[in-house]
Amino acid sequence: MITRCDVQAKLDALAKPMGSLGQLEARAVKLAVAGQSLTPATRPRRVILFATDHGTLLKG
Protein backbone atom coordinates (compact mmCIF):
# COMPACT_ATOMS: atom_id res chain seq x y z
CA MET A 1 0.00 0.00 0.00
CA ILE A 2 1.37 3.41 -0.99
CA THR A 3 0.98 6.09 1.66
CA ARG A 4 1.18 9.88 1.64
CA CYS A 5 4.61 9.59 3.27
CA ASP A 6 5.87 7.39 0.41
CA VAL A 7 4.71 9.84 -2.22
CA GLN A 8 6.01 12.89 -0.34
CA ALA A 9 9.41 11.21 0.09
CA LYS A 10 9.57 10.64 -3.67
CA LEU A 11 8.62 14.27 -4.37
CA ASP A 12 11.19 15.54 -1.85
CA ALA A 13 13.92 13.47 -3.54
CA LEU A 14 13.41 15.24 -6.89
CA ALA A 15 15.83 17.95 -8.03
CA LYS A 16 13.77 20.89 -6.73
CA PRO A 17 13.40 22.73 -3.45
CA MET A 18 11.13 20.79 -1.06
CA GLY A 19 7.54 22.01 -1.22
CA SER A 20 8.29 24.42 -4.07
CA LEU A 21 5.33 23.30 -6.16
CA GLY A 22 2.80 24.23 -3.47
CA GLN A 23 -0.74 23.04 -4.19
CA LEU A 24 0.47 21.05 -7.19
CA GLU A 25 2.44 18.80 -4.84
CA ALA A 26 -0.59 18.33 -2.60
CA ARG A 27 -2.68 17.30 -5.60
CA ALA A 28 0.07 14.98 -6.83
CA VAL A 29 0.10 13.24 -3.45
CA LYS A 30 -3.68 12.76 -3.54
CA LEU A 31 -3.56 11.43 -7.10
CA ALA A 32 -0.73 8.99 -6.36
CA VAL A 33 -2.36 7.65 -3.19
CA ALA A 34 -5.76 7.28 -4.89
CA GLY A 35 -4.17 5.44 -7.83
CA GLN A 36 -1.80 3.47 -5.57
CA SER A 37 1.15 4.32 -7.83
CA LEU A 38 4.27 6.46 -7.38
CA THR A 39 4.00 7.27 -11.10
CA PRO A 40 0.27 7.79 -11.67
CA ALA A 41 -1.02 8.10 -15.23
CA THR A 42 -3.66 10.65 -16.08
CA ARG A 43 -5.49 9.78 -19.26
CA PRO A 44 -7.16 11.41 -21.08
CA ARG A 45 -5.28 14.64 -20.48
CA ARG A 46 -6.81 18.07 -20.96
CA VAL A 47 -5.24 21.49 -21.13
CA ILE A 48 -7.35 24.48 -20.20
CA LEU A 49 -5.86 27.90 -20.86
CA PHE A 50 -7.20 31.09 -19.31
CA ALA A 51 -5.83 34.43 -20.45
CA THR A 52 -6.64 38.00 -19.59
CA ASP A 53 -5.50 41.53 -20.21
CA HIS A 54 -4.84 43.01 -16.79
CA GLY A 55 -5.41 46.51 -18.19
CA THR A 56 -9.07 45.82 -18.94
CA LEU A 57 -11.80 46.87 -16.52
CA LEU A 58 -15.35 45.69 -17.04
CA LYS A 59 -18.13 47.77 -15.52
CA GLY A 60 -21.50 46.25 -14.96
PDB file of N, CA and C in Angstrom:
ATOM      1  N   MET A   1       0.846  -1.178   0.000  1.00  0.00           N
ATOM      2  CA  MET A   1       0.000   0.000   0.000  1.00  0.00           C
ATOM      3  C   MET A   1       0.894   1.244   0.000  1.00  0.00           C
ATOM      4  N   ILE A   2       0.609   2.150  -0.899  1.00  0.00           N
ATOM      5  CA  ILE A   2       1.365   3.407  -0.994  1.00  0.00           C
ATOM      6  C   ILE A   2       0.690   4.443  -0.094  1.00  0.00           C
ATOM      7  N   THR A   3       1.501   5.094   0.731  1.00  0.00           N
ATOM      8  CA  THR A   3       0.978   6.088   1.657  1.00  0.00           C
ATOM      9  C   THR A   3       1.410   7.490   1.239  1.00  0.00           C
ATOM     10  N   ARG A   4       0.812   8.476   1.892  1.00  0.00           N
ATOM     11  CA  ARG A   4       1.182   9.875   1.644  1.00  0.00           C
ATOM     12  C   ARG A   4       2.670  10.092   1.905  1.00  0.00           C
ATOM     13  N   CYS A   5       3.184   9.443   2.930  1.00  0.00           N
ATOM     14  CA  CYS A   5       4.611   9.588   3.268  1.00  0.00           C
ATOM     15  C   CYS A   5       5.503   9.058   2.152  1.00  0.00           C
ATOM     16  N   ASP A   6       5.104   7.953   1.526  1.00  0.00           N
ATOM     17  CA  ASP A   6       5.870   7.386   0.411  1.00  0.00           C
ATOM     18  C   ASP A   6       5.937   8.375  -0.756  1.00  0.00           C
ATOM     19  N   VAL A   7       4.785   8.923  -1.085  1.00  0.00           N
ATOM     20  CA  VAL A   7       4.710   9.843  -2.215  1.00  0.00           C
ATOM     21  C   VAL A   7       5.489  11.117  -1.909  1.00  0.00           C
ATOM     22  N   GLN A   8       5.313  11.663  -0.704  1.00  0.00           N
ATOM     23  CA  GLN A   8       6.008  12.892  -0.338  1.00  0.00           C
ATOM     24  C   GLN A   8       7.514  12.688  -0.330  1.00  0.00           C
ATOM     25  N   ALA A   9       7.975  11.516   0.107  1.00  0.00           N
ATOM     26  CA  ALA A   9       9.409  11.212   0.091  1.00  0.00           C
ATOM     27  C   ALA A   9       9.940  11.203  -1.343  1.00  0.00           C
ATOM     28  N   LYS A  10       9.153  10.641  -2.266  1.00  0.00           N
ATOM     29  CA  LYS A  10       9.570  10.640  -3.669  1.00  0.00           C
ATOM     30  C   LYS A  10       9.627  12.059  -4.216  1.00  0.00           C
ATOM     31  N   LEU A  11       8.628  12.884  -3.901  1.00  0.00           N
ATOM     32  CA  LEU A  11       8.619  14.269  -4.365  1.00  0.00           C
ATOM     33  C   LEU A  11       9.791  15.060  -3.780  1.00  0.00           C
ATOM     34  N   ASP A  12      10.097  14.818  -2.508  1.00  0.00           N
ATOM     35  CA  ASP A  12      11.191  15.539  -1.848  1.00  0.00           C
ATOM     36  C   ASP A  12      12.556  15.138  -2.400  1.00  0.00           C
ATOM     37  N   ALA A  13      12.650  13.941  -2.993  1.00  0.00           N
ATOM     38  CA  ALA A  13      13.917  13.466  -3.542  1.00  0.00           C
ATOM     39  C   ALA A  13      14.194  14.025  -4.943  1.00  0.00           C
ATOM     40  N   LEU A  14      13.216  14.681  -5.552  1.00  0.00           N
ATOM     41  CA  LEU A  14      13.407  15.241  -6.887  1.00  0.00           C
ATOM     42  C   LEU A  14      14.320  16.461  -6.820  1.00  0.00           C
ATOM     43  N   ALA A  15      14.900  16.822  -7.956  1.00  0.00           N
ATOM     44  CA  ALA A  15      15.835  17.954  -8.031  1.00  0.00           C
ATOM     45  C   ALA A  15      15.061  19.273  -8.053  1.00  0.00           C
ATOM     46  N   LYS A  16      14.520  19.640  -6.917  1.00  0.00           N
ATOM     47  CA  LYS A  16      13.772  20.887  -6.731  1.00  0.00           C
ATOM     48  C   LYS A  16      13.742  21.190  -5.248  1.00  0.00           C
ATOM     49  N   PRO A  17      13.541  22.441  -4.876  1.00  0.00           N
ATOM     50  CA  PRO A  17      13.399  22.733  -3.447  1.00  0.00           C
ATOM     51  C   PRO A  17      12.156  22.027  -2.879  1.00  0.00           C
ATOM     52  N   MET A  18      12.268  21.504  -1.670  1.00  0.00           N
ATOM     53  CA  MET A  18      11.135  20.794  -1.057  1.00  0.00           C
ATOM     54  C   MET A  18       9.937  21.725  -0.907  1.00  0.00           C
ATOM     55  N   GLY A  19       8.780  21.251  -1.354  1.00  0.00           N
ATOM     56  CA  GLY A  19       7.545  22.013  -1.218  1.00  0.00           C
ATOM     57  C   GLY A  19       7.399  23.160  -2.198  1.00  0.00           C
ATOM     58  N   SER A  20       8.294  23.266  -3.169  1.00  0.00           N
ATOM     59  CA  SER A  20       8.295  24.417  -4.069  1.00  0.00           C
ATOM     60  C   SER A  20       7.123  24.446  -5.047  1.00  0.00           C
ATOM     61  N   LEU A  21       6.450  23.339  -5.225  1.00  0.00           N
ATOM     62  CA  LEU A  21       5.332  23.297  -6.159  1.00  0.00           C
ATOM     63  C   LEU A  21       3.986  23.556  -5.488  1.00  0.00           C
ATOM     64  N   GLY A  22       4.002  23.826  -4.197  1.00  0.00           N
ATOM     65  CA  GLY A  22       2.796  24.227  -3.465  1.00  0.00           C
ATOM     66  C   GLY A  22       1.631  23.273  -3.622  1.00  0.00           C
ATOM     67  N   GLN A  23       0.492  23.820  -4.061  1.00  0.00           N
ATOM     68  CA  GLN A  23      -0.739  23.036  -4.189  1.00  0.00           C
ATOM     69  C   GLN A  23      -0.605  21.923  -5.217  1.00  0.00           C
ATOM     70  N   LEU A  24       0.264  22.106  -6.192  1.00  0.00           N
ATOM     71  CA  LEU A  24       0.469  21.053  -7.189  1.00  0.00           C
ATOM     72  C   LEU A  24       1.018  19.789  -6.531  1.00  0.00           C
ATOM     73  N   GLU A  25       1.915  19.966  -5.566  1.00  0.00           N
ATOM     74  CA  GLU A  25       2.444  18.799  -4.836  1.00  0.00           C
ATOM     75  C   GLU A  25       1.343  18.123  -4.030  1.00  0.00           C
ATOM     76  N   ALA A  26       0.503  18.901  -3.392  1.00  0.00           N
ATOM     77  CA  ALA A  26      -0.590  18.329  -2.597  1.00  0.00           C
ATOM     78  C   ALA A  26      -1.525  17.511  -3.483  1.00  0.00           C
ATOM     79  N   ARG A  27      -1.812  18.023  -4.669  1.00  0.00           N
ATOM     80  CA  ARG A  27      -2.683  17.296  -5.601  1.00  0.00           C
ATOM     81  C   ARG A  27      -1.986  16.051  -6.138  1.00  0.00           C
ATOM     82  N   ALA A  28      -0.690  16.139  -6.362  1.00  0.00           N
ATOM     83  CA  ALA A  28       0.074  14.978  -6.833  1.00  0.00           C
ATOM     84  C   ALA A  28       0.049  13.865  -5.797  1.00  0.00           C
ATOM     85  N   VAL A  29       0.154  14.235  -4.528  1.00  0.00           N
ATOM     86  CA  VAL A  29       0.100  13.242  -3.447  1.00  0.00           C
ATOM     87  C   VAL A  29      -1.264  12.554  -3.447  1.00  0.00           C
ATOM     88  N   LYS A  30      -2.331  13.333  -3.529  1.00  0.00           N
ATOM     89  CA  LYS A  30      -3.681  12.759  -3.536  1.00  0.00           C
ATOM     90  C   LYS A  30      -3.880  11.822  -4.725  1.00  0.00           C
ATOM     91  N   LEU A  31      -3.408  12.240  -5.894  1.00  0.00           N
ATOM     92  CA  LEU A  31      -3.556  11.427  -7.098  1.00  0.00           C
ATOM     93  C   LEU A  31      -2.779  10.124  -6.986  1.00  0.00           C
ATOM     94  N   ALA A  32      -1.559  10.193  -6.482  1.00  0.00           N
ATOM     95  CA  ALA A  32      -0.727   8.992  -6.355  1.00  0.00           C
ATOM     96  C   ALA A  32      -1.301   8.021  -5.331  1.00  0.00           C
ATOM     97  N   VAL A  33      -1.782   8.525  -4.214  1.00  0.00           N
ATOM     98  CA  VAL A  33      -2.364   7.652  -3.189  1.00  0.00           C
ATOM     99  C   VAL A  33      -3.658   7.023  -3.704  1.00  0.00           C
ATOM    100  N   ALA A  34      -4.492   7.813  -4.370  1.00  0.00           N
ATOM    101  CA  ALA A  34      -5.755   7.282  -4.893  1.00  0.00           C
ATOM    102  C   ALA A  34      -5.502   6.213  -5.948  1.00  0.00           C
ATOM    103  N   GLY A  35      -4.479   6.415  -6.780  1.00  0.00           N
ATOM    104  CA  GLY A  35      -4.169   5.443  -7.828  1.00  0.00           C
ATOM    105  C   GLY A  35      -3.232   4.349  -7.382  1.00  0.00           C
ATOM    106  N   GLN A  36      -2.744   4.447  -6.121  1.00  0.00           N
ATOM    107  CA  GLN A  36      -1.802   3.470  -5.570  1.00  0.00           C
ATOM    108  C   GLN A  36      -0.604   3.255  -6.500  1.00  0.00           C
ATOM    109  N   SER A  37      -0.008   4.379  -6.946  1.00  0.00           N
ATOM    110  CA  SER A  37       1.152   4.323  -7.828  1.00  0.00           C
ATOM    111  C   SER A  37       2.031   5.544  -7.576  1.00  0.00           C
ATOM    112  N   LEU A  38       3.350   5.323  -7.535  1.00  0.00           N
ATOM    113  CA  LEU A  38       4.267   6.459  -7.384  1.00  0.00           C
ATOM    114  C   LEU A  38       4.459   7.190  -8.713  1.00  0.00           C
ATOM    115  N   THR A  39       3.967   6.620  -9.790  1.00  0.00           N
ATOM    116  CA  THR A  39       3.999   7.268 -11.098  1.00  0.00           C
ATOM    117  C   THR A  39       2.608   7.167 -11.730  1.00  0.00           C
ATOM    118  N   PRO A  40       1.643   7.911 -11.183  1.00  0.00           N
ATOM    119  CA  PRO A  40       0.267   7.793 -11.671  1.00  0.00           C
ATOM    120  C   PRO A  40       0.126   8.323 -13.102  1.00  0.00           C
ATOM    121  N   ALA A  41      -0.723   7.677 -13.866  1.00  0.00           N
ATOM    122  CA  ALA A  41      -1.019   8.104 -15.233  1.00  0.00           C
ATOM    123  C   ALA A  41      -2.349   8.832 -15.232  1.00  0.00           C
ATOM    124  N   THR A  42      -2.409   9.894 -15.957  1.00  0.00           N
ATOM    125  CA  THR A  42      -3.656  10.650 -16.078  1.00  0.00           C
ATOM    126  C   THR A  42      -4.053  10.661 -17.541  1.00  0.00           C
ATOM    127  N   ARG A  43      -5.025   9.858 -17.875  1.00  0.00           N
ATOM    128  CA  ARG A  43      -5.493   9.778 -19.256  1.00  0.00           C
ATOM    129  C   ARG A  43      -7.006   9.850 -19.237  1.00  0.00           C
ATOM    130  N   PRO A  44      -7.684  10.490 -20.090  1.00  0.00           N
ATOM    131  CA  PRO A  44      -7.156  11.411 -21.085  1.00  0.00           C
ATOM    132  C   PRO A  44      -6.743  12.722 -20.424  1.00  0.00           C
ATOM    133  N   ARG A  45      -5.764  13.361 -21.003  1.00  0.00           N
ATOM    134  CA  ARG A  45      -5.282  14.637 -20.475  1.00  0.00           C
ATOM    135  C   ARG A  45      -6.009  15.780 -21.160  1.00  0.00           C
ATOM    136  N   ARG A  46      -6.181  16.863 -20.421  1.00  0.00           N
ATOM    137  CA  ARG A  46      -6.808  18.070 -20.958  1.00  0.00           C
ATOM    138  C   ARG A  46      -5.960  19.263 -20.560  1.00  0.00           C
ATOM    139  N   VAL A  47      -5.906  20.228 -21.438  1.00  0.00           N
ATOM    140  CA  VAL A  47      -5.240  21.485 -21.130  1.00  0.00           C
ATOM    141  C   VAL A  47      -6.290  22.581 -21.249  1.00  0.00           C
ATOM    142  N   ILE A  48      -6.426  23.360 -20.193  1.00  0.00           N
ATOM    143  CA  ILE A  48      -7.354  24.485 -20.204  1.00  0.00           C
ATOM    144  C   ILE A  48      -6.527  25.741 -20.004  1.00  0.00           C
ATOM    145  N   LEU A  49      -6.658  26.686 -20.905  1.00  0.00           N
ATOM    146  CA  LEU A  49      -5.860  27.903 -20.858  1.00  0.00           C
ATOM    147  C   LEU A  49      -6.781  29.083 -20.624  1.00  0.00           C
ATOM    148  N   PHE A  50      -6.477  29.859 -19.597  1.00  0.00           N
ATOM    149  CA  PHE A  50      -7.198  31.085 -19.311  1.00  0.00           C
ATOM    150  C   PHE A  50      -6.237  32.243 -19.533  1.00  0.00           C
ATOM    151  N   ALA A  51      -6.681  33.264 -20.214  1.00  0.00           N
ATOM    152  CA  ALA A  51      -5.828  34.428 -20.448  1.00  0.00           C
ATOM    153  C   ALA A  51      -6.646  35.691 -20.203  1.00  0.00           C
ATOM    154  N   THR A  52      -5.967  36.739 -19.832  1.00  0.00           N
ATOM    155  CA  THR A  52      -6.644  38.002 -19.589  1.00  0.00           C
ATOM    156  C   THR A  52      -5.695  39.146 -19.886  1.00  0.00           C
ATOM    157  N   ASP A  53      -6.267  40.300 -20.047  1.00  0.00           N
ATOM    158  CA  ASP A  53      -5.502  41.528 -20.208  1.00  0.00           C
ATOM    159  C   ASP A  53      -5.714  42.298 -18.921  1.00  0.00           C
ATOM    160  N   HIS A  54      -4.688  42.397 -18.105  1.00  0.00           N
ATOM    161  CA  HIS A  54      -4.840  43.014 -16.792  1.00  0.00           C
ATOM    162  C   HIS A  54      -5.152  44.512 -16.863  1.00  0.00           C
ATOM    163  N   GLY A  55      -5.081  45.091 -18.055  1.00  0.00           N
ATOM    164  CA  GLY A  55      -5.406  46.506 -18.194  1.00  0.00           C
ATOM    165  C   GLY A  55      -6.861  46.749 -18.483  1.00  0.00           C
ATOM    166  N   THR A  56      -7.658  45.695 -18.587  1.00  0.00           N
ATOM    167  CA  THR A  56      -9.068  45.823 -18.938  1.00  0.00           C
ATOM    168  C   THR A  56      -9.934  45.848 -17.677  1.00  0.00           C
ATOM    169  N   LEU A  57     -10.865  46.770 -17.643  1.00  0.00           N
ATOM    170  CA  LEU A  57     -11.800  46.871 -16.525  1.00  0.00           C
ATOM    171  C   LEU A  57     -13.208  46.791 -17.078  1.00  0.00           C
ATOM    172  N   LEU A  58     -13.968  45.829 -16.609  1.00  0.00           N
ATOM    173  CA  LEU A  58     -15.349  45.692 -17.045  1.00  0.00           C
ATOM    174  C   LEU A  58     -16.262  46.302 -16.005  1.00  0.00           C
ATOM    175  N   LYS A  59     -17.154  47.170 -16.433  1.00  0.00           N
ATOM    176  CA  LYS A  59     -18.131  47.775 -15.520  1.00  0.00           C
ATOM    177  C   LYS A  59     -19.499  47.209 -15.824  1.00  0.00           C
ATOM    178  N   GLY A  60     -20.203  46.892 -14.756  1.00  0.00           N
ATOM    179  CA  GLY A  60     -21.505  46.246 -14.965  1.00  0.00           C
ATOM    180  C   GLY A  60     -22.668  47.102 -14.822  1.00  0.00           C
TER     181      GLY A  60
END
